[in-house]
Every structure is written in C-alpha cells, then in structure tokens.
C-alpha cells in the first residue's frame, strides 16, 4: 500500500510541474473528525450546498486543513457561505469564523442575503467587510481559509491586489503554528498567473512561491480534488468543465 501511495503521489506531483512537490503530496484520504462529519451532515445546510458535496468533498478538505472545535478561522471571500456553514459548525460555540468580505467587488445580492441569513443562524460567524489586505483579527487565528479565490485577487474587479501584501496579511493574521489553507483551480504547468483573468486558473507553483516568500511553509498537498482529464484550456465556468476542474489543495503553516 505504501508503494502504491508513493506512485499516486508521484503521478499527481508530476502534473503540478514543481520538483519540490513530490515529498509533500499525499494521496486522497483524510479521516474526518466526528465534529467535521456532523457539520457536513447538518440538516440545516441548504440543499443546494449538499448537491455540491460530491465534487467539493468537504469532509476531507476540512480534515486536511485541520479545523477543530474551539478554533478561530478567517475565511476569505466566503461567497454564498458553502464552507462558512460547515466551518461554523466544526469550531462550535467555543470557536469563531470571520467571514472576510472584500469591499470590491460588492457581493452579489443573493450572496449578501445568504450571508445575512447565515449570521442569524450561526452566532459564532462575524462578517468583516473592507479591503482584504487590511484584515486584522482582534487576536491571531488558527486557520486562514481560501477556496477557489486565490487567483481572483489579481483580477481588477478584486482590486488587483499586491500579492506580497496579501500574503503578509495572512502571515500576520495567523498564530504561530497556524494554517493557511488554499484550494484553487489548476492552470497548465508553467502558466503562472497569466490566465487568472481569462480562465480563472493559476499554476500551483506560483501559489507556492508567493506564499512561501511571505514566510509560510508548504507542509502538505493532496490530490483529493484532482481531475487528470481536465485539459486546463477552458474557463472554469465553461459548461464542459464547471464543477469538475482539476483543483489543487495546499496546506501552509506559520513557523512556531
């Protein structure tokens, strides 16, 4: 089994175009804690969210991020709250989730309504609005989480963020030993950030280089959301690939 796992890891690492990746890639398995399993099974989650679970695999992604009861999580650009609801249930009443909503672009009406309803249903969720690089929690957090959004930060509608300033914000927001969880749509190897505005994809090597330059350490990658049949040539919203893109998952850690 260990030999098979090494082969799977090596094959996945090859698709990510970076020589430093193979030792970090883990096969697609993570044991969800009872708190995570209960959060995903929560009957209060919208049916539309549940319909996306097969593709997003929330039990395993949250397990890889290491979120646990009592944690404080900063979720960047939460959209309609798919992960916000799960994270809020996992951290429980002793924990907190900051839903960090950038001031540009303004949330779509349906997203704003969803977040308003979510805050009423989950008292441990706090919505924070404003420039994303200005986010500073009252106390350092256990986890900073961004899902399918890292590439967006370069797009003019999100203010064409200075990525060094963004990653410094993440570093400063985390406790020593805290985790930065990044999940995004993979671009073709070598594409860098050249297709973020057209395909809404980014090269995993670019993310690795930018985040580690801020002082965080790449601790783990996983093929849990990989799709080798994705040609990486279509925008992520194209009907031929939407919901089925090849995605990478990275876990970075702030040194203690």
C-alpha atoms as a PDB file:
ATOM      1  CA  UNK A   1       0.000   0.000   0.000  1.00  0.00           C
ATOM      2  CA  UNK A   2       2.825   2.429   0.804  1.00  0.00           C
ATOM      3  CA  UNK A   3       4.367   1.736  -2.616  1.00  0.00           C
ATOM      4  CA  UNK A   4       1.018   2.441  -4.311  1.00  0.00           C
ATOM      5  CA  UNK A   5       0.612   5.653  -2.349  1.00  0.00           C
ATOM      6  CA  UNK A   6       4.072   6.799  -3.432  1.00  0.00           C
ATOM      7  CA  UNK A   7       3.207   6.094  -7.065  1.00  0.00           C
ATOM      8  CA  UNK A   8      -0.061   8.023  -6.792  1.00  0.00           C
ATOM      9  CA  UNK A   9       1.726  10.896  -5.121  1.00  0.00           C
ATOM     10  CA  UNK A  10       4.466  10.979  -7.730  1.00  0.00           C
ATOM     11  CA  UNK A  11       1.954  10.928 -10.597  1.00  0.00           C
ATOM     12  CA  UNK A  12      -0.018  13.799  -9.095  1.00  0.00           C
ATOM     13  CA  UNK A  13       3.128  15.766  -8.351  1.00  0.00           C
ATOM     14  CA  UNK A  14       4.183  15.456 -11.987  1.00  0.00           C
ATOM     15  CA  UNK A  15       1.043  17.277 -13.067  1.00  0.00           C
ATOM     16  CA  UNK A  16       1.933  20.180 -10.773  1.00  0.00           C
ATOM     17  CA  UNK A  17       5.223  20.966 -12.513  1.00  0.00           C
ATOM     18  CA  UNK A  18       7.445  21.594  -9.495  1.00  0.00           C
ATOM     19  CA  UNK A  19      10.349  19.451  -8.377  1.00  0.00           C
ATOM     20  CA  UNK A  20       9.763  20.345  -4.723  1.00  0.00           C
ATOM     21  CA  UNK A  21       6.271  18.891  -4.662  1.00  0.00           C
ATOM     22  CA  UNK A  22       6.651  15.052  -4.648  1.00  0.00           C
ATOM     23  CA  UNK A  23       7.645  14.688  -0.992  1.00  0.00           C
ATOM     24  CA  UNK A  24       4.692  16.846   0.037  1.00  0.00           C
ATOM     25  CA  UNK A  25       1.882  15.300  -1.984  1.00  0.00           C
ATOM     26  CA  UNK A  26      -0.412  12.966  -0.081  1.00  0.00           C
ATOM     27  CA  UNK A  27      -2.977  10.537  -1.545  1.00  0.00           C
ATOM     28  CA  UNK A  28      -6.640  11.500  -1.439  1.00  0.00           C
ATOM     29  CA  UNK A  29      -7.546  10.333   2.019  1.00  0.00           C
ATOM     30  CA  UNK A  30      -8.143  12.222   5.226  1.00  0.00           C
ATOM     31  CA  UNK A  31     -10.041  10.968   8.250  1.00  0.00           C
ATOM     32  CA  UNK A  32     -12.782  13.411   9.168  1.00  0.00           C
ATOM     33  CA  UNK A  33     -13.286  14.006  12.870  1.00  0.00           C
ATOM     34  CA  UNK A  34     -16.745  13.467  14.402  1.00  0.00           C
ATOM     35  CA  UNK A  35     -17.156  17.265  14.526  1.00  0.00           C
ATOM     36  CA  UNK A  36     -16.468  17.583  10.795  1.00  0.00           C
ATOM     37  CA  UNK A  37     -18.718  14.663   9.879  1.00  0.00           C
ATOM     38  CA  UNK A  38     -21.558  16.138  11.959  1.00  0.00           C
ATOM     39  CA  UNK A  39     -21.080  19.583  10.382  1.00  0.00           C
ATOM     40  CA  UNK A  40     -21.349  18.194   6.852  1.00  0.00           C
ATOM     41  CA  UNK A  41     -24.382  16.084   7.815  1.00  0.00           C
ATOM     42  CA  UNK A  42     -26.099  19.045   9.490  1.00  0.00           C
ATOM     43  CA  UNK A  43     -29.730  19.140   8.244  1.00  0.00           C
ATOM     44  CA  UNK A  44     -29.627  22.939   8.443  1.00  0.00           C
ATOM     45  CA  UNK A  45     -27.357  23.132   5.395  1.00  0.00           C
ATOM     46  CA  UNK A  46     -29.155  24.237   2.206  1.00  0.00           C
ATOM     47  CA  UNK A  47     -29.977  21.513  -0.282  1.00  0.00           C
ATOM     48  CA  UNK A  48     -28.022  23.413  -2.944  1.00  0.00           C
ATOM     49  CA  UNK A  49     -24.909  23.076  -0.782  1.00  0.00           C
ATOM     50  CA  UNK A  50     -25.458  19.368  -0.266  1.00  0.00           C
ATOM     51  CA  UNK A  51     -25.722  18.873  -4.019  1.00  0.00           C
ATOM     52  CA  UNK A  52     -22.150  20.155  -4.371  1.00  0.00           C
ATOM     53  CA  UNK A  53     -20.637  17.889  -1.728  1.00  0.00           C
ATOM     54  CA  UNK A  54     -19.720  15.051  -4.094  1.00  0.00           C
ATOM     55  CA  UNK A  55     -17.456  17.369  -6.068  1.00  0.00           C
ATOM     56  CA  UNK A  56     -16.150  19.552  -3.224  1.00  0.00           C
ATOM     57  CA  UNK A  57     -15.559  16.721  -0.688  1.00  0.00           C
ATOM     58  CA  UNK A  58     -15.909  18.954   2.374  1.00  0.00           C
ATOM     59  CA  UNK A  59     -15.298  16.231   4.967  1.00  0.00           C
ATOM     60  CA  UNK A  60     -11.849  15.568   3.571  1.00  0.00           C
ATOM     61  CA  UNK A  61     -10.872  19.152   2.732  1.00  0.00           C
ATOM     62  CA  UNK A  62     -11.748  20.423   6.205  1.00  0.00           C
ATOM     63  CA  UNK A  63      -9.898  17.448   7.696  1.00  0.00           C
ATOM     64  CA  UNK A  64      -6.785  18.300   5.684  1.00  0.00           C
ATOM     65  CA  UNK A  65      -6.960  21.885   6.940  1.00  0.00           C
ATOM     66  CA  UNK A  66      -7.078  20.527  10.492  1.00  0.00           C
ATOM     67  CA  UNK A  67     -10.031  22.663  11.646  1.00  0.00           C
ATOM     68  CA  UNK A  68     -11.284  21.546  15.067  1.00  0.00           C
ATOM     69  CA  UNK A  69     -13.719  22.607  17.805  1.00  0.00           C
ATOM     70  CA  UNK A  70     -12.687  25.828  19.529  1.00  0.00           C
ATOM     71  CA  UNK A  71     -10.639  27.133  16.595  1.00  0.00           C
ATOM     72  CA  UNK A  72     -10.850  30.641  15.190  1.00  0.00           C
ATOM     73  CA  UNK A  73     -10.978  30.636  11.378  1.00  0.00           C
ATOM     74  CA  UNK A  74     -10.723  33.543   8.940  1.00  0.00           C
ATOM     75  CA  UNK A  75     -12.494  32.564   5.725  1.00  0.00           C
ATOM     76  CA  UNK A  76     -11.539  34.889   2.900  1.00  0.00           C
ATOM     77  CA  UNK A  77     -14.171  35.725   0.247  1.00  0.00           C
ATOM     78  CA  UNK A  78     -16.876  33.326   1.519  1.00  0.00           C
ATOM     79  CA  UNK A  79     -19.272  33.770  -1.420  1.00  0.00           C
ATOM     80  CA  UNK A  80     -22.645  32.314  -0.509  1.00  0.00           C
ATOM     81  CA  UNK A  81     -21.320  30.608   2.620  1.00  0.00           C
ATOM     82  CA  UNK A  82     -20.912  26.996   1.463  1.00  0.00           C
ATOM     83  CA  UNK A  83     -17.856  26.476   3.660  1.00  0.00           C
ATOM     84  CA  UNK A  84     -18.814  29.112   6.229  1.00  0.00           C
ATOM     85  CA  UNK A  85     -21.694  26.974   7.485  1.00  0.00           C
ATOM     86  CA  UNK A  86     -19.511  23.888   7.786  1.00  0.00           C
ATOM     87  CA  UNK A  87     -16.635  25.713   9.472  1.00  0.00           C
ATOM     88  CA  UNK A  88     -19.008  27.393  11.939  1.00  0.00           C
ATOM     89  CA  UNK A  89     -20.416  24.026  12.981  1.00  0.00           C
ATOM     90  CA  UNK A  90     -16.969  22.430  13.276  1.00  0.00           C
ATOM     91  CA  UNK A  91     -15.477  25.144  15.505  1.00  0.00           C
ATOM     92  CA  UNK A  92     -18.665  25.198  17.597  1.00  0.00           C
ATOM     93  CA  UNK A  93     -19.746  27.716  20.239  1.00  0.00           C
ATOM     94  CA  UNK A  94     -16.236  27.992  21.672  1.00  0.00           C
ATOM     95  CA  UNK A  95     -14.837  28.936  18.262  1.00  0.00           C
ATOM     96  CA  UNK A  96     -15.371  31.725  15.763  1.00  0.00           C
ATOM     97  CA  UNK A  97     -15.433  32.225  11.997  1.00  0.00           C
ATOM     98  CA  UNK A  98     -14.571  35.583  10.474  1.00  0.00           C
ATOM     99  CA  UNK A  99     -16.202  35.766   7.041  1.00  0.00           C
ATOM    100  CA  UNK A 100     -13.938  38.295   5.340  1.00  0.00           C
ATOM    101  CA  UNK A 101     -15.820  40.043   2.522  1.00  0.00           C
ATOM    102  CA  UNK A 102     -13.723  42.416   0.368  1.00  0.00           C
ATOM    103  CA  UNK A 103     -15.140  45.804  -0.481  1.00  0.00           C
ATOM    104  CA  UNK A 104     -14.544  45.193  -4.186  1.00  0.00           C
ATOM    105  CA  UNK A 105     -16.424  43.818  -5.895  1.00  0.00           C
ATOM    106  CA  UNK A 106     -19.562  44.289  -3.813  1.00  0.00           C
ATOM    107  CA  UNK A 107     -21.224  40.942  -3.010  1.00  0.00           C
ATOM    108  CA  UNK A 108     -23.998  39.958  -5.393  1.00  0.00           C
ATOM    109  CA  UNK A 109     -27.481  40.468  -3.868  1.00  0.00           C
ATOM    110  CA  UNK A 110     -28.049  36.743  -3.407  1.00  0.00           C
ATOM    111  CA  UNK A 111     -24.682  36.343  -1.692  1.00  0.00           C
ATOM    112  CA  UNK A 112     -25.330  39.296   0.605  1.00  0.00           C
ATOM    113  CA  UNK A 113     -28.740  37.871   1.535  1.00  0.00           C
ATOM    114  CA  UNK A 114     -27.215  34.440   2.151  1.00  0.00           C
ATOM    115  CA  UNK A 115     -24.573  35.909   4.454  1.00  0.00           C
ATOM    116  CA  UNK A 116     -27.159  37.927   6.380  1.00  0.00           C
ATOM    117  CA  UNK A 117     -29.234  34.787   6.942  1.00  0.00           C
ATOM    118  CA  UNK A 118     -26.119  32.821   7.846  1.00  0.00           C
ATOM    119  CA  UNK A 119     -25.082  35.268  10.576  1.00  0.00           C
ATOM    120  CA  UNK A 120     -28.531  34.966  12.130  1.00  0.00           C
ATOM    121  CA  UNK A 121     -28.343  31.169  12.086  1.00  0.00           C
ATOM    122  CA  UNK A 122     -24.732  30.874  13.279  1.00  0.00           C
ATOM    123  CA  UNK A 123     -23.926  33.223  16.172  1.00  0.00           C
ATOM    124  CA  UNK A 124     -20.211  32.374  16.003  1.00  0.00           C
ATOM    125  CA  UNK A 125     -19.887  33.901  12.498  1.00  0.00           C
ATOM    126  CA  UNK A 126     -18.730  37.513  12.200  1.00  0.00           C
ATOM    127  CA  UNK A 127     -18.778  39.243   8.807  1.00  0.00           C
ATOM    128  CA  UNK A 128     -15.831  41.599   8.262  1.00  0.00           C
ATOM    129  CA  UNK A 129     -16.025  43.995   5.299  1.00  0.00           C
ATOM    130  CA  UNK A 130     -13.337  46.198   3.823  1.00  0.00           C
ATOM    131  CA  UNK A 131     -10.071  45.992   1.868  1.00  0.00           C
ATOM    132  CA  UNK A 132      -8.932  42.399   2.113  1.00  0.00           C
ATOM    133  CA  UNK A 133      -5.277  43.229   2.773  1.00  0.00           C
ATOM    134  CA  UNK A 134      -6.395  45.403   5.699  1.00  0.00           C
ATOM    135  CA  UNK A 135      -7.980  42.472   7.561  1.00  0.00           C
ATOM    136  CA  UNK A 136      -6.550  42.220  11.057  1.00  0.00           C
ATOM    137  CA  UNK A 137      -8.320  39.962  13.556  1.00  0.00           C
ATOM    138  CA  UNK A 138      -8.538  41.057  17.211  1.00  0.00           C
ATOM    139  CA  UNK A 139      -6.266  38.111  18.043  1.00  0.00           C
ATOM    140  CA  UNK A 140      -4.280  35.764  15.782  1.00  0.00           C
ATOM    141  CA  UNK A 141      -6.333  32.945  14.262  1.00  0.00           C
ATOM    142  CA  UNK A 142      -5.779  29.214  13.976  1.00  0.00           C
ATOM    143  CA  UNK A 143      -6.658  28.917  10.284  1.00  0.00           C
ATOM    144  CA  UNK A 144      -6.910  31.263   7.305  1.00  0.00           C
ATOM    145  CA  UNK A 145      -9.016  29.629   4.606  1.00  0.00           C
ATOM    146  CA  UNK A 146      -9.483  30.500   0.936  1.00  0.00           C
ATOM    147  CA  UNK A 147     -11.290  28.256  -1.509  1.00  0.00           C
ATOM    148  CA  UNK A 148     -11.262  28.897  -5.277  1.00  0.00           C
ATOM    149  CA  UNK A 149     -10.372  32.539  -4.642  1.00  0.00           C
ATOM    150  CA  UNK A 150      -6.601  32.971  -4.534  1.00  0.00           C
ATOM    151  CA  UNK A 151      -6.436  33.538  -8.293  1.00  0.00           C
ATOM    152  CA  UNK A 152      -9.214  36.160  -8.098  1.00  0.00           C
ATOM    153  CA  UNK A 153      -7.100  38.563  -6.083  1.00  0.00           C
ATOM    154  CA  UNK A 154      -5.143  39.556  -9.199  1.00  0.00           C
ATOM    155  CA  UNK A 155      -8.254  40.472 -11.190  1.00  0.00           C
ATOM    156  CA  UNK A 156      -9.131  44.185 -11.455  1.00  0.00           C
ATOM    157  CA  UNK A 157     -12.631  43.626 -10.063  1.00  0.00           C
ATOM    158  CA  UNK A 158     -10.960  42.460  -6.831  1.00  0.00           C
ATOM    159  CA  UNK A 159      -8.671  45.468  -6.843  1.00  0.00           C
ATOM    160  CA  UNK A 160      -5.642  43.801  -8.480  1.00  0.00           C
ATOM    161  CA  UNK A 161      -4.159  43.046  -5.079  1.00  0.00           C
ATOM    162  CA  UNK A 162      -0.469  43.227  -4.286  1.00  0.00           C
ATOM    163  CA  UNK A 163       0.061  39.522  -3.582  1.00  0.00           C
ATOM    164  CA  UNK A 164       3.080  40.142  -1.358  1.00  0.00           C
ATOM    165  CA  UNK A 165       0.920  42.432   0.807  1.00  0.00           C
ATOM    166  CA  UNK A 166      -1.902  39.884   0.771  1.00  0.00           C
ATOM    167  CA  UNK A 167       0.298  37.022   1.917  1.00  0.00           C
ATOM    168  CA  UNK A 168       1.896  39.201   4.572  1.00  0.00           C
ATOM    169  CA  UNK A 169      -1.625  39.902   5.868  1.00  0.00           C
ATOM    170  CA  UNK A 170      -2.232  36.140   6.061  1.00  0.00           C
ATOM    171  CA  UNK A 171       1.077  35.565   7.864  1.00  0.00           C
ATOM    172  CA  UNK A 172       0.352  38.310  10.375  1.00  0.00           C
ATOM    173  CA  UNK A 173      -3.220  37.073  10.980  1.00  0.00           C
ATOM    174  CA  UNK A 174      -2.100  33.563  11.925  1.00  0.00           C
ATOM    175  CA  UNK A 175      -0.957  32.270  15.282  1.00  0.00           C
ATOM    176  CA  UNK A 176       2.489  30.677  15.352  1.00  0.00           C
ATOM    177  CA  UNK A 177       1.809  27.158  14.096  1.00  0.00           C
ATOM    178  CA  UNK A 178      -1.383  28.298  12.354  1.00  0.00           C
ATOM    179  CA  UNK A 179      -2.521  27.007   8.952  1.00  0.00           C
ATOM    180  CA  UNK A 180      -3.178  28.761   5.650  1.00  0.00           C
ATOM    181  CA  UNK A 181      -5.450  26.519   3.560  1.00  0.00           C
ATOM    182  CA  UNK A 182      -5.500  27.250  -0.184  1.00  0.00           C
ATOM    183  CA  UNK A 183      -7.707  25.458  -2.709  1.00  0.00           C
ATOM    184  CA  UNK A 184      -7.934  26.655  -6.294  1.00  0.00           C
ATOM    185  CA  UNK A 185      -8.404  25.742  -9.949  1.00  0.00           C
ATOM    186  CA  UNK A 186      -5.170  24.499 -11.523  1.00  0.00           C
ATOM    187  CA  UNK A 187      -3.739  26.102 -14.648  1.00  0.00           C
ATOM    188  CA  UNK A 188      -1.467  24.217 -17.028  1.00  0.00           C
ATOM    189  CA  UNK A 189       2.099  23.759 -15.765  1.00  0.00           C
ATOM    190  CA  UNK A 190       4.160  26.839 -16.476  1.00  0.00           C
ATOM    191  CA  UNK A 191       1.168  29.145 -16.938  1.00  0.00           C
ATOM    192  CA  UNK A 192       1.978  31.083 -13.795  1.00  0.00           C
ATOM    193  CA  UNK A 193      -0.665  33.754 -13.256  1.00  0.00           C
ATOM    194  CA  UNK A 194      -1.126  34.528 -16.951  1.00  0.00           C
ATOM    195  CA  UNK A 195      -4.637  33.052 -17.227  1.00  0.00           C
ATOM    196  CA  UNK A 196      -6.224  34.193 -13.970  1.00  0.00           C
ATOM    197  CA  UNK A 197      -8.456  36.758 -15.702  1.00  0.00           C
ATOM    198  CA  UNK A 198      -9.358  34.611 -18.718  1.00  0.00           C
ATOM    199  CA  UNK A 199      -9.595  31.053 -17.357  1.00  0.00           C
ATOM    200  CA  UNK A 200      -9.815  31.782 -13.600  1.00  0.00           C
ATOM    201  CA  UNK A 201      -6.979  29.326 -13.001  1.00  0.00           C
ATOM    202  CA  UNK A 202      -3.482  29.599 -11.533  1.00  0.00           C
ATOM    203  CA  UNK A 203      -0.345  27.483 -11.612  1.00  0.00           C
ATOM    204  CA  UNK A 204       0.153  25.795  -8.217  1.00  0.00           C
ATOM    205  CA  UNK A 205       3.868  26.583  -8.398  1.00  0.00           C
ATOM    206  CA  UNK A 206       3.028  30.300  -8.451  1.00  0.00           C
ATOM    207  CA  UNK A 207       0.935  29.966  -5.305  1.00  0.00           C
ATOM    208  CA  UNK A 208       3.674  28.008  -3.592  1.00  0.00           C
ATOM    209  CA  UNK A 209       6.332  30.582  -4.461  1.00  0.00           C
ATOM    210  CA  UNK A 210       4.251  33.587  -3.397  1.00  0.00           C
ATOM    211  CA  UNK A 211       3.046  32.153  -0.112  1.00  0.00           C
ATOM    212  CA  UNK A 212       6.389  30.741   0.978  1.00  0.00           C
ATOM    213  CA  UNK A 213       8.031  34.085   0.154  1.00  0.00           C
ATOM    214  CA  UNK A 214       5.880  35.542   2.948  1.00  0.00           C
ATOM    215  CA  UNK A 215       7.450  33.147   5.449  1.00  0.00           C
ATOM    216  CA  UNK A 216       4.866  30.345   5.499  1.00  0.00           C
ATOM    217  CA  UNK A 217       5.996  26.758   4.969  1.00  0.00           C
ATOM    218  CA  UNK A 218       4.298  24.444   2.452  1.00  0.00           C
ATOM    219  CA  UNK A 219       3.505  21.449   4.622  1.00  0.00           C
ATOM    220  CA  UNK A 220       1.122  19.354   2.542  1.00  0.00           C
ATOM    221  CA  UNK A 221      -0.525  18.960  -0.823  1.00  0.00           C
ATOM    222  CA  UNK A 222      -3.218  16.456  -1.707  1.00  0.00           C
ATOM    223  CA  UNK A 223      -4.768  15.108  -4.894  1.00  0.00           C
ATOM    224  CA  UNK A 224      -8.201  14.943  -3.257  1.00  0.00           C
ATOM    225  CA  UNK A 225      -9.716  17.342  -5.824  1.00  0.00           C
ATOM    226  CA  UNK A 226      -7.506  16.487  -8.800  1.00  0.00           C
ATOM    227  CA  UNK A 227      -9.066  15.731 -12.186  1.00  0.00           C
ATOM    228  CA  UNK A 228      -6.431  14.460 -14.651  1.00  0.00           C
ATOM    229  CA  UNK A 229      -8.941  14.624 -17.528  1.00  0.00           C
ATOM    230  CA  UNK A 230      -9.258  18.415 -17.243  1.00  0.00           C
ATOM    231  CA  UNK A 231      -7.386  19.864 -20.270  1.00  0.00           C
ATOM    232  CA  UNK A 232      -6.739  23.145 -18.395  1.00  0.00           C
ATOM    233  CA  UNK A 233      -7.742  25.085 -21.513  1.00  0.00           C
ATOM    234  CA  UNK A 234     -11.304  26.094 -20.644  1.00  0.00           C
ATOM    235  CA  UNK A 235     -12.540  28.796 -18.269  1.00  0.00           C
ATOM    236  CA  UNK A 236     -13.752  27.242 -15.040  1.00  0.00           C
ATOM    237  CA  UNK A 237     -17.294  28.463 -15.776  1.00  0.00           C
ATOM    238  CA  UNK A 238     -17.458  26.676 -19.141  1.00  0.00           C
ATOM    239  CA  UNK A 239     -20.305  24.106 -19.039  1.00  0.00           C
ATOM    240  CA  UNK A 240     -17.920  21.403 -20.253  1.00  0.00           C
ATOM    241  CA  UNK A 241     -15.817  21.606 -17.097  1.00  0.00           C
ATOM    242  CA  UNK A 242     -17.738  23.627 -14.496  1.00  0.00           C
ATOM    243  CA  UNK A 243     -17.719  21.817 -11.158  1.00  0.00           C
ATOM    244  CA  UNK A 244     -15.194  19.290 -12.485  1.00  0.00           C
ATOM    245  CA  UNK A 245     -11.990  21.298 -12.767  1.00  0.00           C
ATOM    246  CA  UNK A 246      -8.616  19.990 -11.718  1.00  0.00           C
ATOM    247  CA  UNK A 247      -8.065  21.637  -8.330  1.00  0.00           C
ATOM    248  CA  UNK A 248      -5.090  21.697  -6.017  1.00  0.00           C
ATOM    249  CA  UNK A 249      -5.139  21.791  -2.224  1.00  0.00           C
ATOM    250  CA  UNK A 250      -2.220  23.211  -0.240  1.00  0.00           C
ATOM    251  CA  UNK A 251      -1.689  23.492   3.488  1.00  0.00           C
ATOM    252  CA  UNK A 252       0.868  26.060   4.610  1.00  0.00           C
ATOM    253  CA  UNK A 253       1.962  26.527   8.209  1.00  0.00           C
ATOM    254  CA  UNK A 254       3.358  29.539  10.044  1.00  0.00           C
ATOM    255  CA  UNK A 255       6.548  28.624  11.906  1.00  0.00           C
ATOM    256  CA  UNK A 256       6.271  28.436  15.680  1.00  0.00           C
END
